[in-house]
């Protein structure tokens, strides 16, 4: 999904003639801490609530605060995950979207990006999640896939993160089965380091563990 497909129809733009007070009011009305500034159709930059609050005169126009504008945006033809990256790296509540001529094409709120990321990763679908850690040079997608298939499970989402300092790769796997205990046991049998796992059977397992502990205590 491209960033332009997620452009909000309700988030306003600021203009250079707007006052600091007006900009703060628009941010408050829309429950955001950033808004893009435009001059006609041209994207000028993005301003934060924090910078506006530092202004000595709230009747001053935004044109007087141009040195505080940040030139941060994403292209309309970029994948929406790029917008999440830009928002996270710059602490933005709103990400401006521009075309190749630097004309404003829209903007998207960070909260909306997270909702789409959840849908993109199928987090609302039933299933389990397993997080493995392996040496980068030992990572094998085909082996991981075979282990899952041997347990009648399929990958619905797989993400990797490589730590350049340690050489350790973290592999996060979403699968279509909510019962992950047998799969975890198989990974451990193949000497994979299973860091975390989440499935619907965990609650039942915890209850069983607590029950067993209680029975052992009563036998003492």
N, C-alpha and C. Protein backbone atom coordinates (compact mmCIF):
# COMPACT_ATOMS: atom_id res chain seq x y z
N UNK A 1 0.85 -1.19 0.00
CA UNK A 1 0.00 0.00 0.00
C UNK A 1 0.89 1.25 0.00
N UNK A 2 0.58 2.20 -0.87
CA UNK A 2 1.37 3.42 -0.98
C UNK A 2 0.90 4.47 0.03
N UNK A 3 1.81 5.38 0.36
CA UNK A 3 1.48 6.40 1.36
C UNK A 3 0.28 7.24 0.94
N UNK A 4 0.19 7.55 -0.35
CA UNK A 4 -0.90 8.42 -0.81
C UNK A 4 -2.26 7.76 -0.60
N UNK A 5 -2.29 6.42 -0.57
CA UNK A 5 -3.55 5.72 -0.36
C UNK A 5 -4.07 5.88 1.07
N UNK A 6 -3.21 6.31 1.99
CA UNK A 6 -3.60 6.46 3.39
C UNK A 6 -3.81 7.91 3.78
N UNK A 7 -3.70 8.81 2.82
CA UNK A 7 -3.81 10.23 3.11
C UNK A 7 -5.13 10.56 3.79
N UNK A 8 -5.05 11.31 4.89
CA UNK A 8 -6.24 11.69 5.65
C UNK A 8 -7.03 12.77 4.91
N UNK A 9 -8.34 12.66 5.01
CA UNK A 9 -9.23 13.67 4.41
C UNK A 9 -9.59 14.76 5.41
N UNK A 10 -9.16 14.59 6.66
CA UNK A 10 -9.59 15.52 7.71
C UNK A 10 -8.45 16.37 8.28
N UNK A 11 -7.22 15.90 8.19
CA UNK A 11 -6.11 16.68 8.76
C UNK A 11 -5.90 17.96 7.95
N UNK A 12 -5.85 19.10 8.61
CA UNK A 12 -5.69 20.37 7.89
C UNK A 12 -4.22 20.67 7.59
N UNK A 13 -4.01 21.66 6.72
CA UNK A 13 -2.68 22.20 6.47
C UNK A 13 -2.61 23.58 7.11
N UNK A 14 -1.40 23.97 7.46
CA UNK A 14 -1.17 25.33 7.94
C UNK A 14 -0.62 26.17 6.80
N UNK A 15 -0.80 27.48 6.91
CA UNK A 15 -0.32 28.41 5.90
C UNK A 15 0.57 29.46 6.55
N UNK A 16 1.46 30.04 5.80
CA UNK A 16 2.43 30.98 6.35
C UNK A 16 1.76 32.19 7.00
N UNK A 17 0.56 32.53 6.56
CA UNK A 17 -0.13 33.69 7.14
C UNK A 17 -0.87 33.35 8.42
N UNK A 18 -0.99 32.06 8.74
CA UNK A 18 -1.67 31.67 9.98
C UNK A 18 -0.85 32.11 11.18
N UNK A 19 -1.56 32.40 12.27
CA UNK A 19 -0.88 32.80 13.50
C UNK A 19 -0.50 31.57 14.32
N UNK A 20 0.41 31.78 15.26
CA UNK A 20 0.82 30.70 16.16
C UNK A 20 -0.40 30.18 16.91
N UNK A 21 -1.23 31.10 17.37
CA UNK A 21 -2.43 30.70 18.12
C UNK A 21 -3.35 29.82 17.26
N UNK A 22 -3.57 30.22 16.01
CA UNK A 22 -4.42 29.42 15.11
C UNK A 22 -3.84 28.03 14.89
N UNK A 23 -2.52 27.96 14.71
CA UNK A 23 -1.87 26.66 14.49
C UNK A 23 -2.04 25.76 15.71
N UNK A 24 -1.84 26.31 16.90
CA UNK A 24 -2.00 25.53 18.13
C UNK A 24 -3.43 25.05 18.29
N UNK A 25 -4.38 25.91 17.91
CA UNK A 25 -5.79 25.54 18.03
C UNK A 25 -6.12 24.38 17.09
N UNK A 26 -5.60 24.42 15.86
CA UNK A 26 -5.84 23.35 14.90
C UNK A 26 -5.22 22.03 15.38
N UNK A 27 -4.04 22.12 15.96
CA UNK A 27 -3.42 20.90 16.50
C UNK A 27 -4.25 20.33 17.63
N UNK A 28 -4.72 21.21 18.50
CA UNK A 28 -5.55 20.75 19.62
C UNK A 28 -6.86 20.14 19.12
N UNK A 29 -7.48 20.76 18.14
CA UNK A 29 -8.75 20.26 17.60
C UNK A 29 -8.58 18.88 16.97
N UNK A 30 -7.42 18.64 16.37
CA UNK A 30 -7.19 17.38 15.66
C UNK A 30 -6.36 16.38 16.47
N UNK A 31 -6.02 16.76 17.70
CA UNK A 31 -5.29 15.90 18.63
C UNK A 31 -3.98 15.38 18.03
N UNK A 32 -3.22 16.30 17.46
CA UNK A 32 -1.90 15.99 16.92
C UNK A 32 -0.91 17.02 17.44
N UNK A 33 0.38 16.72 17.32
CA UNK A 33 1.42 17.63 17.78
C UNK A 33 2.25 18.18 16.64
N UNK A 34 1.86 17.88 15.39
CA UNK A 34 2.56 18.38 14.21
C UNK A 34 1.55 18.64 13.11
N UNK A 35 1.84 19.59 12.25
CA UNK A 35 1.05 19.82 11.04
C UNK A 35 1.96 20.36 9.95
N UNK A 36 1.66 20.01 8.69
CA UNK A 36 2.46 20.54 7.58
C UNK A 36 2.07 21.97 7.23
N UNK A 37 3.04 22.73 6.72
CA UNK A 37 2.80 24.10 6.27
C UNK A 37 2.94 24.13 4.76
N UNK A 38 2.01 24.80 4.11
CA UNK A 38 2.04 24.89 2.65
C UNK A 38 1.97 26.35 2.22
N UNK A 39 2.49 26.60 1.02
CA UNK A 39 2.35 27.90 0.37
C UNK A 39 1.73 27.62 -0.99
N UNK A 40 0.43 27.83 -1.09
CA UNK A 40 -0.30 27.37 -2.26
C UNK A 40 -0.36 25.85 -2.21
N UNK A 41 0.22 25.18 -3.20
CA UNK A 41 0.29 23.72 -3.21
C UNK A 41 1.67 23.21 -2.77
N UNK A 42 2.63 24.13 -2.61
CA UNK A 42 3.99 23.72 -2.29
C UNK A 42 4.14 23.40 -0.80
N UNK A 43 4.81 22.30 -0.54
CA UNK A 43 5.12 21.91 0.84
C UNK A 43 6.30 22.73 1.33
N UNK A 44 6.11 23.43 2.45
CA UNK A 44 7.16 24.29 3.00
C UNK A 44 7.92 23.59 4.12
N UNK A 45 7.20 22.83 4.92
CA UNK A 45 7.84 22.13 6.04
C UNK A 45 6.79 21.68 7.03
N UNK A 46 7.24 21.17 8.16
CA UNK A 46 6.32 20.74 9.20
C UNK A 46 6.76 21.40 10.50
N UNK A 47 5.77 21.81 11.29
CA UNK A 47 6.06 22.50 12.54
C UNK A 47 5.48 21.70 13.70
N UNK A 48 6.15 21.76 14.84
CA UNK A 48 5.70 21.01 16.01
C UNK A 48 5.03 21.92 17.02
N UNK A 49 4.21 21.32 17.84
CA UNK A 49 3.55 22.06 18.91
C UNK A 49 4.57 22.64 19.87
N UNK A 50 5.64 21.88 20.14
CA UNK A 50 6.67 22.36 21.07
C UNK A 50 7.30 23.64 20.57
N UNK A 51 7.60 23.71 19.27
CA UNK A 51 8.21 24.92 18.72
C UNK A 51 7.25 26.10 18.78
N UNK A 52 5.97 25.83 18.54
CA UNK A 52 4.99 26.91 18.58
C UNK A 52 4.83 27.46 20.00
N UNK A 53 4.91 26.58 20.98
CA UNK A 53 4.77 27.01 22.38
C UNK A 53 5.95 27.86 22.84
N UNK A 54 7.07 27.75 22.14
CA UNK A 54 8.25 28.55 22.49
C UNK A 54 8.17 29.98 21.92
N UNK A 55 7.21 30.20 21.01
CA UNK A 55 7.07 31.54 20.40
C UNK A 55 6.69 32.56 21.46
N UNK A 56 7.35 33.71 21.43
CA UNK A 56 7.08 34.75 22.43
C UNK A 56 5.73 35.42 22.20
N UNK A 57 5.27 35.45 20.97
CA UNK A 57 4.02 36.14 20.63
C UNK A 57 3.12 35.18 19.86
N UNK A 58 1.99 34.78 20.46
CA UNK A 58 1.12 33.81 19.77
C UNK A 58 0.30 34.43 18.67
N UNK A 59 0.44 35.76 18.48
CA UNK A 59 -0.22 36.40 17.33
C UNK A 59 0.72 36.49 16.13
N UNK A 60 1.97 36.09 16.32
CA UNK A 60 2.94 36.12 15.22
C UNK A 60 2.52 35.12 14.15
N UNK A 61 2.86 35.42 12.90
CA UNK A 61 2.52 34.50 11.82
C UNK A 61 3.59 33.42 11.70
N UNK A 62 3.19 32.33 11.10
CA UNK A 62 4.13 31.22 10.93
C UNK A 62 5.30 31.60 10.03
N UNK A 63 5.10 32.57 9.16
CA UNK A 63 6.19 33.01 8.28
C UNK A 63 7.37 33.53 9.09
N UNK A 64 7.12 33.98 10.31
CA UNK A 64 8.19 34.49 11.17
C UNK A 64 8.94 33.37 11.87
N UNK A 65 8.46 32.13 11.75
CA UNK A 65 9.06 31.00 12.45
C UNK A 65 9.64 29.97 11.49
N UNK A 66 9.93 30.38 10.26
CA UNK A 66 10.35 29.41 9.25
C UNK A 66 11.63 28.68 9.62
N UNK A 67 12.46 29.28 10.45
CA UNK A 67 13.71 28.61 10.83
C UNK A 67 13.45 27.38 11.69
N UNK A 68 12.25 27.27 12.25
CA UNK A 68 11.93 26.11 13.11
C UNK A 68 11.26 24.99 12.32
N UNK A 69 10.92 25.25 11.05
CA UNK A 69 10.25 24.22 10.25
C UNK A 69 11.22 23.08 9.94
N UNK A 70 10.71 21.87 9.98
CA UNK A 70 11.50 20.70 9.60
C UNK A 70 11.09 20.27 8.20
N UNK A 71 12.08 20.02 7.37
CA UNK A 71 11.81 19.59 6.00
C UNK A 71 11.75 18.05 5.96
N UNK A 72 10.68 17.50 6.50
CA UNK A 72 10.51 16.05 6.60
C UNK A 72 9.22 15.65 5.92
N UNK A 73 9.30 14.68 5.02
CA UNK A 73 8.11 14.21 4.31
C UNK A 73 8.41 12.86 3.68
N UNK A 74 7.38 12.25 3.12
CA UNK A 74 7.56 11.02 2.32
C UNK A 74 6.93 11.25 0.96
N UNK A 75 7.41 10.51 -0.02
CA UNK A 75 6.86 10.61 -1.37
C UNK A 75 5.55 9.83 -1.46
N UNK A 76 4.68 10.32 -2.33
CA UNK A 76 3.36 9.70 -2.47
C UNK A 76 3.41 8.30 -3.04
N UNK A 77 4.52 7.95 -3.74
CA UNK A 77 4.62 6.63 -4.34
C UNK A 77 5.49 5.68 -3.52
N UNK A 78 5.80 6.05 -2.27
CA UNK A 78 6.57 5.17 -1.40
C UNK A 78 5.63 4.26 -0.61
N UNK A 79 6.16 3.11 -0.19
CA UNK A 79 5.37 2.17 0.61
C UNK A 79 5.08 2.80 1.96
N UNK A 80 3.90 2.48 2.53
CA UNK A 80 3.49 3.14 3.76
C UNK A 80 4.42 2.82 4.93
N UNK A 81 5.17 1.72 4.84
CA UNK A 81 6.12 1.41 5.92
C UNK A 81 7.22 2.46 6.00
N UNK A 82 7.52 3.12 4.88
CA UNK A 82 8.48 4.22 4.90
C UNK A 82 7.97 5.36 5.76
N UNK A 83 6.67 5.61 5.71
CA UNK A 83 6.08 6.67 6.52
C UNK A 83 6.19 6.34 8.00
N UNK A 84 6.03 5.06 8.36
CA UNK A 84 6.18 4.64 9.75
C UNK A 84 7.62 4.87 10.20
N UNK A 85 8.58 4.52 9.35
CA UNK A 85 9.98 4.71 9.67
C UNK A 85 10.29 6.18 9.91
N UNK A 86 9.81 7.04 9.01
CA UNK A 86 10.06 8.48 9.13
C UNK A 86 9.42 9.03 10.40
N UNK A 87 8.20 8.59 10.70
CA UNK A 87 7.52 9.08 11.90
C UNK A 87 8.26 8.65 13.15
N UNK A 88 8.68 7.40 13.20
CA UNK A 88 9.36 6.89 14.39
C UNK A 88 10.72 7.55 14.59
N UNK A 89 11.47 7.73 13.50
CA UNK A 89 12.81 8.31 13.62
C UNK A 89 12.77 9.78 14.01
N UNK A 90 11.69 10.48 13.68
CA UNK A 90 11.61 11.92 13.93
C UNK A 90 10.58 12.30 14.98
N UNK A 91 9.93 11.29 15.57
CA UNK A 91 8.96 11.56 16.62
C UNK A 91 7.76 12.36 16.14
N UNK A 92 7.26 12.05 14.94
CA UNK A 92 6.17 12.80 14.34
C UNK A 92 4.82 12.19 14.65
N UNK A 93 3.84 13.01 14.91
CA UNK A 93 2.47 12.55 15.05
C UNK A 93 1.73 12.60 13.73
N UNK A 94 2.28 13.34 12.76
CA UNK A 94 1.71 13.46 11.41
C UNK A 94 2.86 13.44 10.41
N UNK A 95 2.68 12.71 9.32
CA UNK A 95 3.71 12.64 8.28
C UNK A 95 3.17 13.28 7.00
N UNK A 96 3.81 14.34 6.50
CA UNK A 96 3.39 14.95 5.23
C UNK A 96 3.72 14.03 4.05
N UNK A 97 2.86 14.08 3.04
CA UNK A 97 3.06 13.29 1.82
C UNK A 97 3.16 14.26 0.66
N UNK A 98 4.24 14.13 -0.15
CA UNK A 98 4.45 15.05 -1.26
C UNK A 98 4.66 14.28 -2.55
N UNK A 99 4.44 14.97 -3.68
CA UNK A 99 4.70 14.33 -4.97
C UNK A 99 6.11 14.68 -5.42
N UNK A 100 6.45 14.31 -6.64
CA UNK A 100 7.82 14.52 -7.12
C UNK A 100 8.15 15.98 -7.36
N UNK A 101 7.13 16.83 -7.41
CA UNK A 101 7.36 18.27 -7.56
C UNK A 101 7.33 19.00 -6.23
N UNK A 102 7.31 18.24 -5.13
CA UNK A 102 7.23 18.78 -3.77
C UNK A 102 5.92 19.50 -3.50
N UNK A 103 4.90 19.17 -4.28
CA UNK A 103 3.55 19.66 -3.98
C UNK A 103 2.95 18.74 -2.92
N UNK A 104 2.17 19.32 -2.03
CA UNK A 104 1.54 18.54 -0.97
C UNK A 104 0.51 17.58 -1.57
N UNK A 105 0.60 16.32 -1.22
CA UNK A 105 -0.35 15.32 -1.72
C UNK A 105 -1.26 14.82 -0.60
N UNK A 106 -0.95 15.19 0.63
CA UNK A 106 -1.76 14.77 1.76
C UNK A 106 -0.90 14.64 3.00
N UNK A 107 -1.47 14.05 4.02
CA UNK A 107 -0.74 13.76 5.26
C UNK A 107 -1.45 12.61 5.95
N UNK A 108 -0.72 11.95 6.84
CA UNK A 108 -1.30 10.80 7.53
C UNK A 108 -0.83 10.83 8.98
N UNK A 109 -1.75 10.52 9.89
CA UNK A 109 -1.43 10.50 11.32
C UNK A 109 -0.69 9.22 11.67
N UNK A 110 0.23 9.32 12.61
CA UNK A 110 1.01 8.16 13.03
C UNK A 110 0.11 7.06 13.58
N UNK A 111 -0.92 7.42 14.32
CA UNK A 111 -1.84 6.41 14.86
C UNK A 111 -2.52 5.61 13.75
N UNK A 112 -2.86 6.29 12.66
CA UNK A 112 -3.47 5.58 11.52
C UNK A 112 -2.46 4.66 10.85
N UNK A 113 -1.21 5.08 10.81
CA UNK A 113 -0.16 4.23 10.24
C UNK A 113 -0.02 2.94 11.05
N UNK A 114 -0.10 3.06 12.38
CA UNK A 114 0.02 1.87 13.23
C UNK A 114 -1.14 0.92 13.01
N UNK A 115 -2.33 1.47 12.80
CA UNK A 115 -3.49 0.61 12.54
C UNK A 115 -3.30 -0.17 11.24
N UNK A 116 -2.80 0.51 10.22
CA UNK A 116 -2.57 -0.17 8.94
C UNK A 116 -1.42 -1.18 9.06
N UNK A 117 -0.43 -0.87 9.89
CA UNK A 117 0.66 -1.81 10.10
C UNK A 117 0.14 -3.07 10.78
N UNK A 118 -0.79 -2.92 11.72
CA UNK A 118 -1.39 -4.07 12.39
C UNK A 118 -2.12 -4.95 11.39
N UNK A 119 -2.87 -4.32 10.48
CA UNK A 119 -3.58 -5.08 9.45
C UNK A 119 -2.59 -5.73 8.49
N UNK A 120 -1.54 -4.99 8.14
CA UNK A 120 -0.53 -5.50 7.21
C UNK A 120 0.15 -6.75 7.77
N UNK A 121 0.36 -6.77 9.09
CA UNK A 121 1.03 -7.91 9.72
C UNK A 121 0.04 -8.96 10.22
N UNK A 122 -1.25 -8.79 9.86
CA UNK A 122 -2.28 -9.77 10.21
C UNK A 122 -2.36 -9.99 11.72
N UNK A 123 -2.13 -8.93 12.51
CA UNK A 123 -2.14 -9.09 13.96
C UNK A 123 -3.53 -9.35 14.51
N UNK A 124 -4.57 -9.01 13.73
CA UNK A 124 -5.93 -9.26 14.18
C UNK A 124 -6.44 -10.63 13.76
N UNK A 125 -5.62 -11.39 13.03
CA UNK A 125 -6.01 -12.72 12.61
C UNK A 125 -5.59 -13.74 13.67
N UNK A 126 -6.38 -14.82 13.84
CA UNK A 126 -5.99 -15.84 14.82
C UNK A 126 -4.68 -16.51 14.42
N UNK A 127 -3.88 -16.85 15.40
CA UNK A 127 -2.61 -17.48 15.12
C UNK A 127 -1.65 -17.29 16.27
N UNK A 128 -0.42 -17.69 16.07
CA UNK A 128 0.60 -17.59 17.09
C UNK A 128 1.78 -16.78 16.62
N UNK A 129 2.67 -16.48 17.55
CA UNK A 129 3.85 -15.70 17.23
C UNK A 129 5.05 -16.32 17.94
N UNK A 130 6.14 -16.49 17.21
CA UNK A 130 7.37 -17.08 17.74
C UNK A 130 8.54 -16.16 17.38
N UNK A 131 9.39 -15.89 18.35
CA UNK A 131 10.57 -15.05 18.12
C UNK A 131 11.81 -15.89 18.37
N UNK A 132 12.64 -16.01 17.33
CA UNK A 132 13.87 -16.79 17.40
C UNK A 132 15.08 -15.86 17.33
N UNK A 133 16.20 -16.33 17.89
CA UNK A 133 17.47 -15.64 17.68
C UNK A 133 18.47 -16.65 17.12
N UNK A 134 19.12 -16.27 16.02
CA UNK A 134 20.11 -17.15 15.38
C UNK A 134 21.30 -16.30 14.95
N UNK A 135 22.43 -16.95 14.78
CA UNK A 135 23.57 -16.27 14.18
C UNK A 135 23.21 -15.91 12.73
N UNK A 136 23.58 -14.71 12.32
CA UNK A 136 23.20 -14.23 10.98
C UNK A 136 23.63 -15.19 9.88
N UNK A 137 24.80 -15.77 10.04
CA UNK A 137 25.32 -16.65 8.99
C UNK A 137 24.70 -18.04 9.05
N UNK A 138 23.83 -18.29 10.04
CA UNK A 138 23.17 -19.59 10.15
C UNK A 138 21.68 -19.50 9.85
N UNK A 139 21.23 -18.30 9.51
CA UNK A 139 19.80 -18.12 9.21
C UNK A 139 19.43 -18.84 7.93
N UNK A 140 18.36 -19.63 7.99
CA UNK A 140 17.88 -20.35 6.80
C UNK A 140 16.36 -20.30 6.78
N UNK A 141 15.85 -19.51 5.84
CA UNK A 141 14.39 -19.43 5.72
C UNK A 141 13.80 -20.78 5.37
N UNK A 142 14.47 -21.52 4.50
CA UNK A 142 13.93 -22.81 4.06
C UNK A 142 13.84 -23.79 5.23
N UNK A 143 14.83 -23.78 6.12
CA UNK A 143 14.78 -24.70 7.27
C UNK A 143 13.66 -24.31 8.23
N UNK A 144 13.53 -23.02 8.49
CA UNK A 144 12.45 -22.55 9.36
C UNK A 144 11.09 -22.92 8.77
N UNK A 145 10.96 -22.71 7.47
CA UNK A 145 9.70 -23.05 6.80
C UNK A 145 9.40 -24.54 6.89
N UNK A 146 10.42 -25.38 6.72
CA UNK A 146 10.22 -26.82 6.80
C UNK A 146 9.80 -27.25 8.20
N UNK A 147 10.39 -26.65 9.21
CA UNK A 147 10.01 -26.97 10.60
C UNK A 147 8.55 -26.63 10.84
N UNK A 148 8.13 -25.49 10.36
CA UNK A 148 6.73 -25.09 10.54
C UNK A 148 5.79 -26.01 9.76
N UNK A 149 6.17 -26.33 8.53
CA UNK A 149 5.32 -27.20 7.71
C UNK A 149 5.21 -28.60 8.31
N UNK A 150 6.28 -29.05 8.96
CA UNK A 150 6.23 -30.37 9.60
C UNK A 150 5.25 -30.40 10.77
N UNK A 151 4.91 -29.21 11.26
CA UNK A 151 3.92 -29.10 12.33
C UNK A 151 2.58 -28.57 11.81
N UNK A 152 2.37 -28.72 10.50
CA UNK A 152 1.11 -28.30 9.86
C UNK A 152 0.82 -26.82 10.08
N UNK A 153 1.86 -25.99 10.07
CA UNK A 153 1.69 -24.55 10.23
C UNK A 153 2.28 -23.83 9.02
N UNK A 154 1.74 -22.65 8.76
CA UNK A 154 2.23 -21.84 7.65
C UNK A 154 2.60 -20.45 8.15
N UNK A 155 3.59 -19.85 7.51
CA UNK A 155 4.01 -18.50 7.85
C UNK A 155 3.03 -17.49 7.25
N UNK A 156 2.50 -16.60 8.07
CA UNK A 156 1.67 -15.51 7.56
C UNK A 156 2.44 -14.18 7.55
N UNK A 157 3.50 -14.10 8.34
CA UNK A 157 4.33 -12.90 8.36
C UNK A 157 5.69 -13.27 8.95
N UNK A 158 6.77 -12.79 8.34
CA UNK A 158 8.10 -13.03 8.88
C UNK A 158 8.92 -11.76 8.75
N UNK A 159 9.52 -11.34 9.86
CA UNK A 159 10.36 -10.15 9.87
C UNK A 159 11.70 -10.50 10.53
N UNK A 160 12.76 -9.90 10.04
CA UNK A 160 14.08 -10.13 10.61
C UNK A 160 14.74 -8.81 10.99
N UNK A 161 15.52 -8.86 12.05
CA UNK A 161 16.34 -7.72 12.45
C UNK A 161 17.73 -8.23 12.78
N UNK A 162 18.74 -7.67 12.15
CA UNK A 162 20.12 -8.10 12.35
C UNK A 162 20.87 -7.08 13.19
N UNK A 163 21.41 -7.53 14.31
CA UNK A 163 22.22 -6.65 15.16
C UNK A 163 23.66 -6.68 14.66
N UNK A 164 24.13 -5.60 14.06
CA UNK A 164 25.48 -5.62 13.46
C UNK A 164 26.59 -5.77 14.49
N UNK A 165 26.32 -5.41 15.75
CA UNK A 165 27.36 -5.49 16.78
C UNK A 165 27.56 -6.93 17.26
N UNK A 166 26.46 -7.67 17.40
CA UNK A 166 26.55 -9.03 17.93
C UNK A 166 26.51 -10.10 16.85
N UNK A 167 26.03 -9.74 15.65
CA UNK A 167 25.88 -10.73 14.60
C UNK A 167 24.69 -11.64 14.81
N UNK A 168 23.83 -11.26 15.76
CA UNK A 168 22.64 -12.06 16.06
C UNK A 168 21.46 -11.53 15.25
N UNK A 169 20.72 -12.43 14.63
CA UNK A 169 19.52 -12.05 13.90
C UNK A 169 18.29 -12.47 14.71
N UNK A 170 17.38 -11.55 14.88
CA UNK A 170 16.11 -11.86 15.54
C UNK A 170 15.05 -12.08 14.46
N UNK A 171 14.41 -13.22 14.51
CA UNK A 171 13.41 -13.60 13.52
C UNK A 171 12.04 -13.69 14.20
N UNK A 172 11.13 -12.84 13.77
CA UNK A 172 9.78 -12.82 14.32
C UNK A 172 8.83 -13.45 13.31
N UNK A 173 8.14 -14.50 13.75
CA UNK A 173 7.31 -15.28 12.83
C UNK A 173 5.87 -15.30 13.31
N UNK A 174 4.98 -14.90 12.44
CA UNK A 174 3.54 -15.07 12.68
C UNK A 174 3.10 -16.32 11.93
N UNK A 175 2.34 -17.18 12.60
CA UNK A 175 1.87 -18.40 11.96
C UNK A 175 0.36 -18.51 12.07
N UNK A 176 -0.23 -19.40 11.30
CA UNK A 176 -1.68 -19.51 11.23
C UNK A 176 -2.26 -20.45 12.28
N UNK A 177 -1.41 -20.95 13.18
CA UNK A 177 -1.88 -21.85 14.24
C UNK A 177 -1.75 -21.17 15.61
N UNK A 178 -2.83 -21.19 16.39
CA UNK A 178 -2.74 -20.57 17.72
C UNK A 178 -2.00 -21.43 18.73
N UNK A 179 -1.93 -22.75 18.49
CA UNK A 179 -1.24 -23.65 19.39
C UNK A 179 0.21 -23.77 18.94
N UNK A 180 1.12 -23.17 19.72
CA UNK A 180 2.52 -23.09 19.28
C UNK A 180 3.46 -23.97 20.09
N UNK A 181 2.96 -24.64 21.12
CA UNK A 181 3.86 -25.37 22.02
C UNK A 181 4.64 -26.46 21.31
N UNK A 182 3.98 -27.26 20.45
CA UNK A 182 4.69 -28.32 19.72
C UNK A 182 5.72 -27.74 18.76
N UNK A 183 5.39 -26.59 18.15
CA UNK A 183 6.32 -25.95 17.22
C UNK A 183 7.54 -25.43 17.96
N UNK A 184 7.30 -24.82 19.12
CA UNK A 184 8.42 -24.34 19.94
C UNK A 184 9.34 -25.49 20.32
N UNK A 185 8.74 -26.62 20.70
CA UNK A 185 9.54 -27.79 21.08
C UNK A 185 10.39 -28.28 19.90
N UNK A 186 9.83 -28.22 18.70
CA UNK A 186 10.58 -28.64 17.52
C UNK A 186 11.75 -27.71 17.25
N UNK A 187 11.50 -26.39 17.35
CA UNK A 187 12.60 -25.44 17.16
C UNK A 187 13.71 -25.68 18.18
N UNK A 188 13.33 -25.94 19.42
CA UNK A 188 14.33 -26.18 20.45
C UNK A 188 15.09 -27.48 20.18
N UNK A 189 14.40 -28.46 19.62
CA UNK A 189 15.06 -29.71 19.28
C UNK A 189 16.11 -29.50 18.19
N UNK A 190 15.85 -28.53 17.31
CA UNK A 190 16.82 -28.17 16.27
C UNK A 190 17.81 -27.12 16.77
N UNK A 191 17.84 -26.91 18.08
CA UNK A 191 18.79 -26.02 18.75
C UNK A 191 18.63 -24.56 18.37
N UNK A 192 17.39 -24.15 18.07
CA UNK A 192 17.09 -22.74 17.89
C UNK A 192 16.88 -22.10 19.26
N UNK A 193 17.31 -20.86 19.40
CA UNK A 193 17.09 -20.10 20.63
C UNK A 193 15.73 -19.41 20.54
N UNK A 194 14.73 -19.96 21.21
CA UNK A 194 13.38 -19.39 21.19
C UNK A 194 13.30 -18.35 22.31
N UNK A 195 13.23 -17.07 21.92
CA UNK A 195 13.23 -15.99 22.92
C UNK A 195 11.84 -15.77 23.51
N UNK A 196 10.82 -15.76 22.66
CA UNK A 196 9.44 -15.54 23.10
C UNK A 196 8.52 -16.38 22.24
N UNK A 197 7.36 -16.67 22.79
CA UNK A 197 6.30 -17.25 21.97
C UNK A 197 4.96 -16.93 22.61
N UNK A 198 3.99 -16.70 21.76
CA UNK A 198 2.65 -16.32 22.20
C UNK A 198 1.63 -17.11 21.40
N UNK A 199 0.71 -17.74 22.11
CA UNK A 199 -0.37 -18.49 21.47
C UNK A 199 -1.54 -18.61 22.41
N UNK A 200 -2.65 -19.06 21.90
CA UNK A 200 -3.87 -19.11 22.71
C UNK A 200 -3.79 -20.14 23.83
N UNK A 201 -2.87 -21.10 23.69
CA UNK A 201 -2.78 -22.14 24.71
C UNK A 201 -1.97 -21.69 25.92
N UNK A 202 -1.32 -20.51 25.85
CA UNK A 202 -0.46 -20.09 26.95
C UNK A 202 -1.21 -19.93 28.25
N UNK A 203 -2.42 -19.40 28.16
CA UNK A 203 -3.19 -19.17 29.38
C UNK A 203 -3.51 -20.49 30.05
N UNK A 204 -3.91 -21.48 29.25
CA UNK A 204 -4.21 -22.79 29.81
C UNK A 204 -2.96 -23.43 30.41
N UNK A 205 -1.82 -23.24 29.74
CA UNK A 205 -0.57 -23.79 30.26
C UNK A 205 -0.21 -23.15 31.59
N UNK A 206 -0.43 -21.85 31.71
CA UNK A 206 -0.12 -21.16 32.95
C UNK A 206 -1.02 -21.65 34.08
N UNK A 207 -2.31 -21.84 33.79
CA UNK A 207 -3.21 -22.36 34.80
C UNK A 207 -2.78 -23.75 35.25
N UNK A 208 -2.39 -24.57 34.27
CA UNK A 208 -1.95 -25.93 34.61
C UNK A 208 -0.69 -25.89 35.47
N UNK A 209 0.23 -25.02 35.14
CA UNK A 209 1.46 -24.90 35.91
C UNK A 209 1.17 -24.46 37.34
N UNK A 210 0.28 -23.46 37.48
CA UNK A 210 -0.07 -23.00 38.82
C UNK A 210 -0.75 -24.09 39.63
N UNK A 211 -1.60 -24.87 38.96
CA UNK A 211 -2.30 -25.97 39.62
C UNK A 211 -1.28 -27.02 40.09
N UNK A 212 -0.34 -27.39 39.22
CA UNK A 212 0.67 -28.37 39.59
C UNK A 212 1.53 -27.89 40.75
N UNK A 213 1.90 -26.62 40.74
CA UNK A 213 2.67 -26.06 41.83
C UNK A 213 1.92 -26.13 43.16
N UNK A 214 0.62 -25.83 43.08
CA UNK A 214 -0.21 -25.89 44.29
C UNK A 214 -0.28 -27.32 44.81
N UNK A 215 -0.49 -28.28 43.92
CA UNK A 215 -0.57 -29.69 44.35
C UNK A 215 0.75 -30.15 44.99
N UNK A 216 1.86 -29.73 44.39
CA UNK A 216 3.16 -30.09 44.96
C UNK A 216 3.35 -29.48 46.34
N UNK A 217 2.86 -28.25 46.49
CA UNK A 217 2.98 -27.59 47.79
C UNK A 217 2.15 -28.31 48.85
N UNK A 218 0.93 -28.72 48.47
CA UNK A 218 0.06 -29.38 49.43
C UNK A 218 0.58 -30.74 49.84
N UNK A 219 1.41 -31.36 48.99
CA UNK A 219 1.96 -32.68 49.32
C UNK A 219 3.12 -32.59 50.32
N UNK A 220 3.67 -31.36 50.42
CA UNK A 220 4.82 -31.20 51.32
C UNK A 220 4.39 -31.35 52.79
